[in-house]
C-alpha atoms as a PDB file:
ATOM      1  CA  MET A   1     150.097 157.958 153.609  1.00  0.00           C
ATOM      2  CA  THR A   2     153.694 158.989 154.238  1.00  0.00           C
ATOM      3  CA  THR A   3     155.254 161.900 152.386  1.00  0.00           C
ATOM      4  CA  ALA A   4     158.247 162.410 154.641  1.00  0.00           C
ATOM      5  CA  ARG A   5     160.854 163.409 152.064  1.00  0.00           C
ATOM      6  CA  ILE A   6     158.429 165.536 150.041  1.00  0.00           C
ATOM      7  CA  ASP A   7     156.993 167.293 153.099  1.00  0.00           C
ATOM      8  CA  ALA A   8     160.460 167.886 154.532  1.00  0.00           C
ATOM      9  CA  ARG A   9     161.684 169.409 151.291  1.00  0.00           C
ATOM     10  CA  PHE A  10     158.763 171.819 150.926  1.00  0.00           C
ATOM     11  CA  ALA A  11     158.993 172.744 154.612  1.00  0.00           C
ATOM     12  CA  SER A  12     162.670 173.542 154.128  1.00  0.00           C
ATOM     13  CA  LEU A  13     161.926 175.651 151.058  1.00  0.00           C
ATOM     14  CA  LYS A  14     159.315 177.607 153.011  1.00  0.00           C
ATOM     15  CA  VAL A  15     161.784 178.317 155.816  1.00  0.00           C
ATOM     16  CA  GLU A  16     164.362 179.421 153.247  1.00  0.00           C
ATOM     17  CA  GLY A  17     161.805 181.677 151.585  1.00  0.00           C
ATOM     18  CA  ARG A  18     162.306 180.355 148.081  1.00  0.00           C
ATOM     19  CA  ALA A  19     160.617 178.214 145.480  1.00  0.00           C
ATOM     20  CA  GLY A  20     161.790 174.723 144.615  1.00  0.00           C
ATOM     21  CA  PHE A  21     163.213 173.560 141.319  1.00  0.00           C
ATOM     22  CA  VAL A  22     161.597 170.328 140.107  1.00  0.00           C
ATOM     23  CA  ALA A  23     163.471 168.677 137.232  1.00  0.00           C
ATOM     24  CA  TYR A  24     161.905 166.077 134.929  1.00  0.00           C
ATOM     25  CA  VAL A  25     163.745 163.606 132.719  1.00  0.00           C
ATOM     26  CA  MET A  26     162.684 160.437 130.919  1.00  0.00           C
ATOM     27  CA  ALA A  27     164.141 157.135 132.097  1.00  0.00           C
ATOM     28  CA  GLY A  28     166.426 155.612 129.498  1.00  0.00           C
ATOM     29  CA  ASP A  29     166.918 158.824 127.534  1.00  0.00           C
ATOM     30  CA  PRO A  30     169.417 158.546 125.984  1.00  0.00           C
ATOM     31  CA  SER A  31     170.444 155.427 127.961  1.00  0.00           C
ATOM     32  CA  PRO A  32     169.886 154.016 131.461  1.00  0.00           C
ATOM     33  CA  GLU A  33     173.440 154.835 132.560  1.00  0.00           C
ATOM     34  CA  ALA A  34     173.211 158.378 131.230  1.00  0.00           C
ATOM     35  CA  THR A  35     169.880 158.842 133.022  1.00  0.00           C
ATOM     36  CA  LEU A  36     171.443 157.813 136.319  1.00  0.00           C
ATOM     37  CA  ASP A  37     174.310 160.260 135.765  1.00  0.00           C
ATOM     38  CA  ILE A  38     171.795 162.977 134.930  1.00  0.00           C
ATOM     39  CA  LEU A  39     169.699 162.301 138.045  1.00  0.00           C
ATOM     40  CA  ASN A  40     172.732 162.512 140.289  1.00  0.00           C
ATOM     41  CA  GLY A  41     173.970 165.576 138.448  1.00  0.00           C
ATOM     42  CA  LEU A  42     170.611 167.337 138.709  1.00  0.00           C
ATOM     43  CA  VAL A  43     170.814 167.147 142.484  1.00  0.00           C
ATOM     44  CA  GLU A  44     174.299 168.651 142.409  1.00  0.00           C
ATOM     45  CA  ALA A  45     172.990 171.321 140.026  1.00  0.00           C
ATOM     46  CA  GLY A  46     170.349 172.336 142.581  1.00  0.00           C
ATOM     47  CA  ALA A  47     167.227 170.333 141.796  1.00  0.00           C
ATOM     48  CA  ASP A  48     165.043 170.095 144.910  1.00  0.00           C
ATOM     49  CA  VAL A  49     162.713 167.389 143.594  1.00  0.00           C
ATOM     50  CA  LEU A  50     163.198 164.935 140.732  1.00  0.00           C
ATOM     51  CA  GLU A  51     160.515 163.616 138.407  1.00  0.00           C
ATOM     52  CA  LEU A  52     161.437 160.471 136.504  1.00  0.00           C
ATOM     53  CA  GLY A  53     159.230 159.587 133.564  1.00  0.00           C
ATOM     54  CA  PHE A  54     158.685 155.942 132.740  1.00  0.00           C
ATOM     55  CA  PRO A  55     158.532 155.330 128.970  1.00  0.00           C
ATOM     56  CA  PHE A  56     155.176 154.607 127.382  1.00  0.00           C
ATOM     57  CA  SER A  57     154.283 154.175 123.730  1.00  0.00           C
ATOM     58  CA  ASP A  58     151.306 156.563 123.738  1.00  0.00           C
ATOM     59  CA  PRO A  59     151.991 159.533 126.053  1.00  0.00           C
ATOM     60  CA  MET A  60     148.844 161.467 125.212  1.00  0.00           C
ATOM     61  CA  ALA A  61     149.489 164.549 127.369  1.00  0.00           C
ATOM     62  CA  GLU A  62     152.944 165.136 125.955  1.00  0.00           C
ATOM     63  CA  GLY A  63     154.147 167.290 123.114  1.00  0.00           C
ATOM     64  CA  PRO A  64     156.670 166.075 120.515  1.00  0.00           C
ATOM     65  CA  THR A  65     159.675 166.549 122.826  1.00  0.00           C
ATOM     66  CA  ILE A  66     158.541 164.110 125.516  1.00  0.00           C
ATOM     67  CA  GLN A  67     156.987 161.780 122.945  1.00  0.00           C
ATOM     68  CA  ARG A  68     160.380 161.368 121.286  1.00  0.00           C
ATOM     69  CA  ALA A  69     162.049 160.919 124.666  1.00  0.00           C
ATOM     70  CA  ALA A  70     159.609 158.126 125.515  1.00  0.00           C
ATOM     71  CA  LEU A  71     160.446 156.373 122.268  1.00  0.00           C
ATOM     72  CA  ARG A  72     164.167 156.733 122.969  1.00  0.00           C
ATOM     73  CA  GLY A  73     163.608 155.318 126.436  1.00  0.00           C
ATOM     74  CA  LEU A  74     161.740 152.342 125.044  1.00  0.00           C
ATOM     75  CA  LYS A  75     164.433 151.826 122.411  1.00  0.00           C
ATOM     76  CA  SER A  76     167.083 151.748 125.139  1.00  0.00           C
ATOM     77  CA  GLY A  77     165.168 148.903 126.778  1.00  0.00           C
ATOM     78  CA  LEU A  78     163.585 150.746 129.698  1.00  0.00           C
ATOM     79  CA  THR A  79     160.314 149.274 130.953  1.00  0.00           C
ATOM     80  CA  LEU A  80     158.475 150.281 134.110  1.00  0.00           C
ATOM     81  CA  LYS A  81     160.457 147.628 135.992  1.00  0.00           C
ATOM     82  CA  GLY A  82     163.649 148.998 134.502  1.00  0.00           C
ATOM     83  CA  THR A  83     162.669 152.493 135.610  1.00  0.00           C
ATOM     84  CA  LEU A  84     162.118 151.231 139.150  1.00  0.00           C
ATOM     85  CA  GLU A  85     165.561 149.634 139.082  1.00  0.00           C
ATOM     86  CA  LEU A  86     167.006 152.963 137.964  1.00  0.00           C
ATOM     87  CA  ALA A  87     165.213 154.655 140.866  1.00  0.00           C
ATOM     88  CA  ARG A  88     166.641 152.091 143.271  1.00  0.00           C
ATOM     89  CA  ARG A  89     170.172 152.741 142.030  1.00  0.00           C
ATOM     90  CA  PHE A  90     169.680 156.489 142.442  1.00  0.00           C
ATOM     91  CA  ARG A  91     168.337 156.061 145.965  1.00  0.00           C
ATOM     92  CA  GLU A  92     171.361 153.983 146.990  1.00  0.00           C
ATOM     93  CA  GLY A  93     173.455 157.139 146.724  1.00  0.00           C
ATOM     94  CA  ASN A  94     170.891 159.746 147.749  1.00  0.00           C
ATOM     95  CA  ALA A  95     168.755 159.450 150.871  1.00  0.00           C
ATOM     96  CA  ASP A  96     167.174 162.903 150.857  1.00  0.00           C
ATOM     97  CA  THR A  97     165.992 164.124 147.455  1.00  0.00           C
ATOM     98  CA  PRO A  98     162.310 163.408 146.746  1.00  0.00           C
ATOM     99  CA  LEU A  99     161.864 161.211 143.680  1.00  0.00           C
ATOM    100  CA  ILE A 100     158.546 161.151 141.837  1.00  0.00           C
ATOM    101  CA  LEU A 101     157.604 158.716 139.086  1.00  0.00           C
ATOM    102  CA  MET A 102     155.521 160.246 136.306  1.00  0.00           C
ATOM    103  CA  GLY A 103     153.763 158.368 133.563  1.00  0.00           C
ATOM    104  CA  TYR A 104     150.639 156.613 132.355  1.00  0.00           C
ATOM    105  CA  LEU A 105     148.304 154.056 133.827  1.00  0.00           C
ATOM    106  CA  ASN A 106     148.632 151.170 131.386  1.00  0.00           C
ATOM    107  CA  PRO A 107     152.079 149.911 132.521  1.00  0.00           C
ATOM    108  CA  VAL A 108     151.006 150.246 136.158  1.00  0.00           C
ATOM    109  CA  GLU A 109     147.849 148.224 135.523  1.00  0.00           C
ATOM    110  CA  GLN A 110     149.900 145.598 133.730  1.00  0.00           C
ATOM    111  CA  MET A 111     152.133 145.216 136.781  1.00  0.00           C
ATOM    112  CA  GLY A 112     149.196 145.351 139.204  1.00  0.00           C
ATOM    113  CA  TYR A 113     148.599 148.153 141.684  1.00  0.00           C
ATOM    114  CA  PRO A 114     149.844 146.416 144.865  1.00  0.00           C
ATOM    115  CA  ALA A 115     152.918 145.008 143.107  1.00  0.00           C
ATOM    116  CA  PHE A 116     153.719 148.390 141.590  1.00  0.00           C
ATOM    117  CA  ALA A 117     153.316 150.238 144.888  1.00  0.00           C
ATOM    118  CA  GLU A 118     155.446 147.742 146.780  1.00  0.00           C
ATOM    119  CA  ALA A 119     158.161 147.832 144.125  1.00  0.00           C
ATOM    120  CA  ALA A 120     158.145 151.627 144.040  1.00  0.00           C
ATOM    121  CA  ASP A 121     158.435 151.816 147.813  1.00  0.00           C
ATOM    122  CA  ALA A 122     161.289 149.306 147.787  1.00  0.00           C
ATOM    123  CA  ALA A 123     163.053 151.405 145.135  1.00  0.00           C
ATOM    124  CA  GLY A 124     162.887 154.531 147.282  1.00  0.00           C
ATOM    125  CA  VAL A 125     160.231 156.348 145.270  1.00  0.00           C
ATOM    126  CA  ASP A 126     158.256 158.974 147.209  1.00  0.00           C
ATOM    127  CA  GLY A 127     155.277 159.691 145.004  1.00  0.00           C
ATOM    128  CA  VAL A 128     153.542 158.994 141.731  1.00  0.00           C
ATOM    129  CA  ILE A 129     151.926 161.165 139.067  1.00  0.00           C
ATOM    130  CA  ILE A 130     149.688 159.135 136.753  1.00  0.00           C
ATOM    131  CA  VAL A 131     148.647 161.588 134.080  1.00  0.00           C
ATOM    132  CA  ASP A 132     145.653 159.685 132.710  1.00  0.00           C
ATOM    133  CA  CYS A 133     144.151 158.413 135.982  1.00  0.00           C
ATOM    134  CA  PRO A 134     141.240 160.664 137.042  1.00  0.00           C
ATOM    135  CA  PRO A 135     140.369 160.835 140.762  1.00  0.00           C
ATOM    136  CA  GLU A 136     137.047 159.075 140.164  1.00  0.00           C
ATOM    137  CA  GLU A 137     138.857 155.971 138.909  1.00  0.00           C
ATOM    138  CA  SER A 138     141.834 156.001 141.266  1.00  0.00           C
ATOM    139  CA  ALA A 139     140.492 154.448 144.485  1.00  0.00           C
ATOM    140  CA  ASP A 140     142.233 151.086 144.065  1.00  0.00           C
ATOM    141  CA  LEU A 141     145.521 152.685 143.072  1.00  0.00           C
ATOM    142  CA  VAL A 142     145.398 155.170 145.941  1.00  0.00           C
ATOM    143  CA  GLU A 143     144.686 152.333 148.363  1.00  0.00           C
ATOM    144  CA  ALA A 144     147.755 150.460 147.125  1.00  0.00           C
ATOM    145  CA  LEU A 145     149.917 153.583 147.283  1.00  0.00           C
ATOM    146  CA  ASP A 146     148.721 154.396 150.792  1.00  0.00           C
ATOM    147  CA  ALA A 147     149.595 150.891 151.946  1.00  0.00           C
ATOM    148  CA  ALA A 148     153.114 151.359 150.579  1.00  0.00           C
ATOM    149  CA  ARG A 149     153.439 154.894 152.029  1.00  0.00           C
ATOM    150  CA  LEU A 150     153.580 156.631 148.664  1.00  0.00           C
ATOM    151  CA  SER A 151     151.985 159.937 147.655  1.00  0.00           C
ATOM    152  CA  MET A 152     149.462 160.267 144.876  1.00  0.00           C
ATOM    153  CA  ILE A 153     150.242 163.628 143.283  1.00  0.00           C
ATOM    154  CA  ARG A 154     147.496 164.941 141.042  1.00  0.00           C
ATOM    155  CA  LEU A 155     147.246 167.512 138.295  1.00  0.00           C
ATOM    156  CA  ALA A 156     145.124 170.647 138.357  1.00  0.00           C
ATOM    157  CA  THR A 157     144.573 172.706 135.219  1.00  0.00           C
ATOM    158  CA  PRO A 158     143.294 176.146 134.211  1.00  0.00           C
ATOM    159  CA  THR A 159     139.871 174.539 133.687  1.00  0.00           C
ATOM    160  CA  SER A 160     139.680 173.022 137.207  1.00  0.00           C
ATOM    161  CA  ASP A 161     136.906 174.941 138.966  1.00  0.00           C
ATOM    162  CA  ASP A 162     136.435 175.044 142.741  1.00  0.00           C
ATOM    163  CA  ASP A 163     134.244 171.937 142.806  1.00  0.00           C
ATOM    164  CA  ARG A 164     136.781 170.018 140.760  1.00  0.00           C
ATOM    165  CA  LEU A 165     139.617 171.139 143.026  1.00  0.00           C
ATOM    166  CA  LYS A 166     137.795 169.592 145.987  1.00  0.00           C
ATOM    167  CA  VAL A 167     137.719 166.286 144.110  1.00  0.00           C
ATOM    168  CA  ILE A 168     141.391 166.609 143.152  1.00  0.00           C
ATOM    169  CA  ALA A 169     142.341 167.293 146.777  1.00  0.00           C
ATOM    170  CA  ARG A 170     140.882 164.020 148.061  1.00  0.00           C
ATOM    171  CA  GLY A 171     143.636 161.454 148.374  1.00  0.00           C
ATOM    172  CA  THR A 172     146.309 163.857 147.114  1.00  0.00           C
ATOM    173  CA  SER A 173     149.429 164.430 149.179  1.00  0.00           C
ATOM    174  CA  GLY A 174     152.899 165.928 148.828  1.00  0.00           C
ATOM    175  CA  PHE A 175     152.005 168.691 146.394  1.00  0.00           C
ATOM    176  CA  VAL A 176     149.673 169.522 143.532  1.00  0.00           C
ATOM    177  CA  TYR A 177     151.087 169.802 140.020  1.00  0.00           C
ATOM    178  CA  TYR A 178     149.449 172.800 138.348  1.00  0.00           C
ATOM    179  CA  VAL A 179     149.400 172.539 134.549  1.00  0.00           C
ATOM    180  CA  SER A 180     149.816 176.187 133.658  1.00  0.00           C
ATOM    181  CA  VAL A 181     148.668 176.059 130.036  1.00  0.00           C
ATOM    182  CA  ALA A 182     145.970 174.252 128.123  1.00  0.00           C
ATOM    183  CA  GLY A 183     147.379 171.629 125.813  1.00  0.00           C
ATOM    184  CA  VAL A 184     150.346 169.290 125.822  1.00  0.00           C
ATOM    185  CA  THR A 185     153.822 169.702 127.292  1.00  0.00           C
ATOM    186  CA  GLY A 186     156.513 171.844 125.748  1.00  0.00           C
ATOM    187  CA  VAL A 187     154.372 173.866 123.331  1.00  0.00           C
ATOM    188  CA  LYS A 188     153.073 177.020 125.059  1.00  0.00           C
ATOM    189  CA  GLU A 189     154.745 179.135 127.732  1.00  0.00           C
ATOM    190  CA  ALA A 190     153.379 179.911 131.176  1.00  0.00           C
ATOM    191  CA  VAL A 191     152.567 183.523 132.043  1.00  0.00           C
ATOM    192  CA  ALA A 192     153.129 184.491 135.674  1.00  0.00           C
ATOM    193  CA  GLY A 193     150.242 186.944 135.691  1.00  0.00           C
ATOM    194  CA  ASP A 194     147.846 184.180 134.704  1.00  0.00           C
ATOM    195  CA  VAL A 195     149.423 181.601 136.998  1.00  0.00           C
ATOM    196  CA  ALA A 196     149.462 183.610 140.250  1.00  0.00           C
ATOM    197  CA  PRO A 197     145.699 183.679 140.994  1.00  0.00           C
ATOM    198  CA  ALA A 198     145.356 180.050 139.943  1.00  0.00           C
ATOM    199  CA  VAL A 199     148.144 178.977 142.299  1.00  0.00           C
ATOM    200  CA  ASP A 200     146.480 180.819 145.171  1.00  0.00           C
ATOM    201  CA  ARG A 201     143.182 179.126 144.396  1.00  0.00           C
ATOM    202  CA  VAL A 202     144.699 175.639 144.169  1.00  0.00           C
ATOM    203  CA  ARG A 203     146.734 176.141 147.330  1.00  0.00           C
ATOM    204  CA  SER A 204     143.671 177.354 149.221  1.00  0.00           C
ATOM    205  CA  ALA A 205     141.478 174.488 148.007  1.00  0.00           C
ATOM    206  CA  THR A 206     143.987 171.705 148.720  1.00  0.00           C
ATOM    207  CA  GLY A 207     146.143 172.988 151.569  1.00  0.00           C
ATOM    208  CA  LEU A 208     149.172 171.690 149.672  1.00  0.00           C
ATOM    209  CA  PRO A 209     152.183 173.286 147.967  1.00  0.00           C
ATOM    210  CA  VAL A 210     151.691 173.983 144.284  1.00  0.00           C
ATOM    211  CA  ALA A 211     154.315 173.171 141.664  1.00  0.00           C
ATOM    212  CA  VAL A 212     153.791 174.805 138.271  1.00  0.00           C
ATOM    213  CA  GLY A 213     154.831 173.140 135.042  1.00  0.00           C
ATOM    214  CA  PHE A 214     153.989 172.458 131.371  1.00  0.00           C
ATOM    215  CA  GLY A 215     155.053 175.917 130.200  1.00  0.00           C
ATOM    216  CA  VAL A 216     158.477 176.818 131.605  1.00  0.00           C
ATOM    217  CA  LYS A 217     161.321 176.796 129.104  1.00  0.00           C
ATOM    218  CA  THR A 218     163.880 179.420 130.096  1.00  0.00           C
ATOM    219  CA  PRO A 219     165.602 180.603 133.294  1.00  0.00           C
ATOM    220  CA  GLU A 220     163.866 183.954 132.902  1.00  0.00           C
ATOM    221  CA  ARG A 221     160.419 182.372 132.771  1.00  0.00           C
ATOM    222  CA  ALA A 222     161.337 179.999 135.593  1.00  0.00           C
ATOM    223  CA  ALA A 223     162.213 182.982 137.803  1.00  0.00           C
ATOM    224  CA  GLU A 224     158.903 184.663 137.017  1.00  0.00           C
ATOM    225  CA  ILE A 225     156.921 181.563 137.959  1.00  0.00           C
ATOM    226  CA  ALA A 226     159.064 180.995 141.059  1.00  0.00           C
ATOM    227  CA  ARG A 227     157.832 184.313 142.456  1.00  0.00           C
ATOM    228  CA  VAL A 228     154.227 183.070 142.524  1.00  0.00           C
ATOM    229  CA  ALA A 229     154.493 179.284 143.019  1.00  0.00           C
ATOM    230  CA  ASP A 230     155.917 176.928 145.627  1.00  0.00           C
ATOM    231  CA  ALA A 231     157.947 175.124 142.962  1.00  0.00           C
ATOM    232  CA  VAL A 232     158.697 175.308 139.265  1.00  0.00           C
ATOM    233  CA  VAL A 233     158.723 172.157 137.096  1.00  0.00           C
ATOM    234  CA  VAL A 234     160.904 172.050 133.996  1.00  0.00           C
ATOM    235  CA  GLY A 235     160.802 169.030 131.725  1.00  0.00           C
ATOM    236  CA  SER A 236     160.644 169.649 127.986  1.00  0.00           C
ATOM    237  CA  ALA A 237     163.486 172.186 128.010  1.00  0.00           C
ATOM    238  CA  LEU A 238     165.779 169.675 129.721  1.00  0.00           C
ATOM    239  CA  VAL A 239     164.711 166.859 127.427  1.00  0.00           C
ATOM    240  CA  ASP A 240     165.221 169.114 124.395  1.00  0.00           C
ATOM    241  CA  ARG A 241     168.767 169.761 125.556  1.00  0.00           C
ATOM    242  CA  ILE A 242     169.453 166.028 125.853  1.00  0.00           C
ATOM    243  CA  GLU A 243     168.066 165.367 122.375  1.00  0.00           C
ATOM    244  CA  ALA A 244     170.059 168.188 120.789  1.00  0.00           C
ATOM    245  CA  ALA A 245     173.289 167.003 122.389  1.00  0.00           C
ATOM    246  CA  VAL A 246     172.773 163.444 121.149  1.00  0.00           C
ATOM    247  CA  THR A 247     171.910 164.678 117.648  1.00  0.00           C
ATOM    248  CA  GLU A 248     175.007 166.895 117.519  1.00  0.00           C
ATOM    249  CA  ASN A 249     177.358 164.316 119.085  1.00  0.00           C
ATOM    250  CA  ARG A 250     177.914 166.270 122.288  1.00  0.00           C
ATOM    251  CA  ASP A 251     177.812 164.952 125.839  1.00  0.00           C
ATOM    252  CA  PRO A 252     174.113 164.973 126.799  1.00  0.00           C
ATOM    253  CA  VAL A 253     174.894 164.782 130.515  1.00  0.00           C
ATOM    254  CA  ALA A 254     177.105 167.867 130.494  1.00  0.00           C
ATOM    255  CA  ASP A 255     174.716 169.789 128.256  1.00  0.00           C
ATOM    256  CA  VAL A 256     171.575 169.145 130.287  1.00  0.00           C
ATOM    257  CA  LEU A 257     173.278 169.857 133.594  1.00  0.00           C
ATOM    258  CA  SER A 258     174.535 173.198 132.286  1.00  0.00           C
ATOM    259  CA  LEU A 259     170.947 174.244 131.616  1.00  0.00           C
ATOM    260  CA  ALA A 260     169.807 172.779 134.938  1.00  0.00           C
ATOM    261  CA  ARG A 261     172.292 174.948 136.820  1.00  0.00           C
ATOM    262  CA  ASP A 262     170.971 178.065 135.084  1.00  0.00           C
ATOM    263  CA  LEU A 263     167.379 177.104 135.849  1.00  0.00           C
ATOM    264  CA  SER A 264     168.150 176.268 139.455  1.00  0.00           C
ATOM    265  CA  HIS A 265     169.940 179.563 139.996  1.00  0.00           C
ATOM    266  CA  ALA A 266     167.027 181.467 138.472  1.00  0.00           C
ATOM    267  CA  VAL A 267     164.423 179.699 140.606  1.00  0.00           C
ATOM    268  CA  HIS A 268     166.356 179.851 143.851  1.00  0.00           C
ATOM    269  CA  ASN A 269     167.194 183.532 143.496  1.00  0.00           C
ATOM    270  CA  ALA A 270     163.891 184.744 142.099  1.00  0.00           C
ATOM    271  CA  HIS A 271     162.723 186.388 145.310  1.00  0.00           C
ATOM    272  CA  ALA A 272     166.100 187.987 145.986  1.00  0.00           C
ATOM    273  CA  ALA A 273     166.091 189.488 142.489  1.00  0.00           C
ATOM    274  CA  GLU A 274     162.571 190.773 143.116  1.00  0.00           C
ATOM    275  CA  ILE A 275     163.683 192.552 146.298  1.00  0.00           C
ATOM    276  CA  VAL A 276     166.659 194.145 144.553  1.00  0.00           C
END
């Protein structure tokens, strides 16, 4: 498997002595064109890695925020193929930023694993997070991703014991996404004191960088997590900002990028603030 862009980014972050900022948005929310503007703007705002959700009608791991975003994405006409086209358009103007697709297995199965992997590779995607695909049932998908030089990025949770982490590590590359709280996205907040030992355990078991998400809503909390993790993932807070802007007839692109800049600054300067 090839993880060139992902590995290069985490290697650079390690040299720089800082955590990475991973930003998640839903494809098609509030429109395909706005999503492309947001992706490009997130990079300018300091995002080190991008996660692009592909809309699905039954996102079981998501709280209300991402559920509504998925419905808005579907309403705007975004399918998995449309999401891949959006990724391709982003990659035309950006050769360096890692781009991860995040979503659910059903649309991927409908497309077919080899066809999906080939299309994702052609679109410039670097890795895939399939939330509802356990390692025990992923062999065919991993084989297809490996053939197309894409990373399978898996989730670890507070309930993943050492034996389970060994299973999670097999076939995983790029980084491990640590779900910092039990439950769905955007509901509870991560606590750095609880996250730190878990990150060390996951990193030791997998030998991979650990990105922490599912419970980071504010720049202050992002900075706290950045001091103990290799990267901080923010999704629901960004999606909330998009939804609020649309509801209140403001520019969703400008609004979400304003928050992204604050989050990026907090993550990137977390260790410097700690020293001071």
